[in-house]
N, C-alpha and C. Protein backbone atom coordinates (compact mmCIF):
# COMPACT_ATOMS: atom_id res chain seq x y z
N MET A 1 -8.19 35.53 76.17
CA MET A 1 -8.61 35.46 77.56
C MET A 1 -9.54 34.27 77.74
N MET A 2 -9.42 33.65 78.87
CA MET A 2 -10.21 32.48 79.21
C MET A 2 -11.60 32.89 79.73
N TYR A 3 -12.60 32.07 79.42
CA TYR A 3 -13.94 32.21 79.97
C TYR A 3 -14.20 30.99 80.84
N LEU A 4 -14.86 31.20 81.96
CA LEU A 4 -15.33 30.11 82.80
C LEU A 4 -16.83 30.21 82.91
N GLU A 5 -17.49 29.09 83.13
CA GLU A 5 -18.93 29.13 83.32
C GLU A 5 -19.29 28.55 84.67
N SER A 6 -20.50 28.84 85.09
CA SER A 6 -20.90 28.62 86.47
C SER A 6 -21.40 27.22 86.79
N THR A 7 -21.11 26.23 85.97
CA THR A 7 -21.61 24.89 86.22
C THR A 7 -20.94 24.27 87.44
N CYS A 8 -21.50 24.59 88.57
CA CYS A 8 -21.14 23.96 89.83
C CYS A 8 -22.27 24.32 90.79
N TYR A 9 -22.40 23.60 91.84
CA TYR A 9 -23.50 23.88 92.76
C TYR A 9 -22.97 24.14 94.16
N HIS A 10 -21.77 24.68 94.22
CA HIS A 10 -21.10 25.02 95.47
C HIS A 10 -20.72 26.50 95.37
N PRO A 11 -21.47 27.39 96.04
CA PRO A 11 -21.23 28.82 95.89
C PRO A 11 -19.78 29.26 96.07
N PRO A 12 -19.01 28.74 97.05
CA PRO A 12 -17.62 29.18 97.14
C PRO A 12 -16.80 28.85 95.88
N ALA A 13 -17.08 27.72 95.26
CA ALA A 13 -16.36 27.37 94.03
C ALA A 13 -16.75 28.31 92.89
N ALA A 14 -18.03 28.63 92.80
CA ALA A 14 -18.49 29.56 91.77
C ALA A 14 -17.88 30.94 92.00
N ARG A 15 -17.82 31.37 93.24
CA ARG A 15 -17.23 32.67 93.56
C ARG A 15 -15.74 32.69 93.19
N CYS A 16 -15.05 31.60 93.45
CA CYS A 16 -13.64 31.50 93.10
C CYS A 16 -13.45 31.61 91.59
N ALA A 17 -14.28 30.91 90.83
CA ALA A 17 -14.20 30.98 89.37
C ALA A 17 -14.47 32.41 88.90
N PHE A 18 -15.50 33.04 89.47
CA PHE A 18 -15.84 34.42 89.11
C PHE A 18 -14.67 35.35 89.39
N GLU A 19 -14.09 35.23 90.57
CA GLU A 19 -12.97 36.10 90.93
C GLU A 19 -11.72 35.82 90.10
N THR A 20 -11.58 34.59 89.61
CA THR A 20 -10.42 34.23 88.80
C THR A 20 -10.44 34.94 87.45
N VAL A 21 -11.60 34.99 86.79
CA VAL A 21 -11.66 35.57 85.45
C VAL A 21 -12.36 36.92 85.40
N GLY A 22 -13.10 37.28 86.44
CA GLY A 22 -13.79 38.57 86.48
C GLY A 22 -15.16 38.53 85.81
N ALA A 23 -15.90 39.59 86.04
CA ALA A 23 -17.29 39.69 85.56
C ALA A 23 -17.41 39.62 84.04
N ASP A 24 -16.38 40.03 83.31
CA ASP A 24 -16.46 40.05 81.84
C ASP A 24 -16.16 38.70 81.20
N HIS A 25 -15.76 37.70 81.98
CA HIS A 25 -15.39 36.40 81.41
C HIS A 25 -16.00 35.22 82.16
N PHE A 26 -17.11 35.46 82.85
CA PHE A 26 -17.81 34.42 83.59
C PHE A 26 -19.21 34.30 83.00
N ILE A 27 -19.63 33.08 82.66
CA ILE A 27 -20.88 32.84 81.95
C ILE A 27 -21.73 31.85 82.71
N PHE A 28 -23.03 32.09 82.78
CA PHE A 28 -23.97 31.17 83.42
C PHE A 28 -24.05 29.88 82.62
N GLY A 29 -24.09 28.77 83.33
CA GLY A 29 -24.25 27.47 82.68
C GLY A 29 -24.76 26.44 83.66
N THR A 30 -25.32 25.35 83.12
CA THR A 30 -25.74 24.20 83.92
C THR A 30 -25.27 22.94 83.20
N ASP A 31 -25.23 21.84 83.90
CA ASP A 31 -24.81 20.58 83.29
C ASP A 31 -25.89 19.94 82.42
N ALA A 32 -27.12 20.24 82.68
CA ALA A 32 -28.21 19.55 82.00
C ALA A 32 -29.30 20.53 81.57
N PRO A 33 -29.15 21.16 80.41
CA PRO A 33 -30.11 22.18 79.98
C PRO A 33 -31.58 21.78 80.04
N PRO A 34 -31.95 20.50 79.73
CA PRO A 34 -33.38 20.20 79.76
C PRO A 34 -33.95 20.01 81.17
N LEU A 35 -33.12 19.95 82.19
CA LEU A 35 -33.61 19.71 83.55
C LEU A 35 -33.81 21.02 84.29
N LYS A 36 -35.07 21.42 84.46
CA LYS A 36 -35.36 22.70 85.10
C LYS A 36 -34.82 22.79 86.52
N VAL A 37 -34.81 21.67 87.23
CA VAL A 37 -34.35 21.71 88.62
C VAL A 37 -32.88 22.15 88.69
N LEU A 38 -32.05 21.72 87.75
CA LEU A 38 -30.66 22.15 87.75
C LEU A 38 -30.52 23.60 87.35
N LYS A 39 -31.39 24.09 86.48
CA LYS A 39 -31.35 25.51 86.14
C LYS A 39 -31.67 26.36 87.36
N LYS A 40 -32.67 25.93 88.13
CA LYS A 40 -33.03 26.67 89.34
C LYS A 40 -31.87 26.67 90.33
N GLN A 41 -31.21 25.54 90.49
CA GLN A 41 -30.06 25.47 91.39
C GLN A 41 -28.93 26.37 90.90
N GLY A 42 -28.72 26.39 89.60
CA GLY A 42 -27.69 27.26 89.02
C GLY A 42 -27.97 28.73 89.28
N VAL A 43 -29.23 29.12 89.15
CA VAL A 43 -29.62 30.51 89.43
C VAL A 43 -29.40 30.82 90.91
N GLU A 44 -29.75 29.88 91.78
CA GLU A 44 -29.54 30.08 93.21
C GLU A 44 -28.06 30.28 93.54
N VAL A 45 -27.18 29.55 92.87
CA VAL A 45 -25.74 29.73 93.10
C VAL A 45 -25.33 31.14 92.73
N ILE A 46 -25.80 31.64 91.60
CA ILE A 46 -25.45 33.00 91.18
C ILE A 46 -25.96 34.01 92.21
N LYS A 47 -27.16 33.80 92.72
CA LYS A 47 -27.69 34.71 93.75
C LYS A 47 -26.83 34.68 95.00
N LYS A 48 -26.37 33.49 95.38
CA LYS A 48 -25.62 33.34 96.63
C LYS A 48 -24.21 33.92 96.58
N ILE A 49 -23.65 34.10 95.39
CA ILE A 49 -22.28 34.62 95.35
C ILE A 49 -22.22 36.14 95.38
N GLY A 50 -23.39 36.77 95.42
CA GLY A 50 -23.44 38.20 95.69
C GLY A 50 -22.96 39.12 94.60
N LEU A 51 -23.40 38.89 93.38
CA LEU A 51 -23.03 39.77 92.27
C LEU A 51 -23.94 40.98 92.24
N SER A 52 -23.44 42.05 91.69
CA SER A 52 -24.27 43.25 91.48
C SER A 52 -25.23 42.96 90.32
N PRO A 53 -26.30 43.75 90.19
CA PRO A 53 -27.19 43.56 89.04
C PRO A 53 -26.47 43.65 87.70
N ALA A 54 -25.51 44.56 87.58
CA ALA A 54 -24.76 44.69 86.32
C ALA A 54 -23.92 43.44 86.06
N GLU A 55 -23.31 42.89 87.11
CA GLU A 55 -22.52 41.66 86.95
C GLU A 55 -23.42 40.49 86.58
N GLU A 56 -24.58 40.39 87.22
CA GLU A 56 -25.52 39.32 86.88
C GLU A 56 -25.93 39.40 85.42
N ALA A 57 -26.19 40.60 84.92
CA ALA A 57 -26.59 40.76 83.52
C ALA A 57 -25.50 40.26 82.58
N LYS A 58 -24.26 40.51 82.92
CA LYS A 58 -23.15 40.01 82.11
C LYS A 58 -23.09 38.49 82.16
N VAL A 59 -23.21 37.93 83.36
CA VAL A 59 -23.10 36.48 83.55
C VAL A 59 -24.25 35.74 82.87
N TYR A 60 -25.47 36.23 83.02
CA TYR A 60 -26.63 35.54 82.45
C TYR A 60 -26.73 35.66 80.93
N SER A 61 -26.29 36.77 80.35
CA SER A 61 -26.45 36.88 78.90
C SER A 61 -25.41 37.75 78.20
N GLY A 62 -25.02 38.82 78.81
CA GLY A 62 -24.14 39.78 78.12
C GLY A 62 -22.83 39.19 77.64
N ASN A 63 -22.18 38.42 78.48
CA ASN A 63 -20.89 37.84 78.09
C ASN A 63 -21.04 36.82 76.97
N ALA A 64 -22.05 35.97 77.05
CA ALA A 64 -22.27 34.98 75.99
C ALA A 64 -22.60 35.68 74.66
N ARG A 65 -23.42 36.70 74.72
CA ARG A 65 -23.76 37.45 73.50
C ARG A 65 -22.51 38.05 72.87
N ARG A 66 -21.67 38.64 73.70
CA ARG A 66 -20.44 39.25 73.19
C ARG A 66 -19.50 38.19 72.64
N LEU A 67 -19.33 37.09 73.37
CA LEU A 67 -18.43 36.02 72.95
C LEU A 67 -18.88 35.39 71.63
N LEU A 68 -20.19 35.16 71.50
CA LEU A 68 -20.75 34.51 70.31
C LEU A 68 -21.12 35.50 69.20
N LYS A 69 -20.95 36.78 69.50
CA LYS A 69 -21.25 37.84 68.54
C LYS A 69 -22.70 37.79 68.05
N VAL A 70 -23.62 37.69 69.02
CA VAL A 70 -25.06 37.70 68.70
C VAL A 70 -25.74 38.88 69.34
């Protein structure tokens, strides 16, 4: 199964990616990890696409942990 990550700053595009693979295969990401401003924008995109708290937990950490087996 394919995983997609949220590296985009256009909420409709992020929502489309989320709906394409579902909550179990969508992972939070940014283009520039050392730049805090992009991390904040990435978090705002996740907030704007209207995920449930359980879906957010999967996107922010649960899916990556499961995928990487950590």
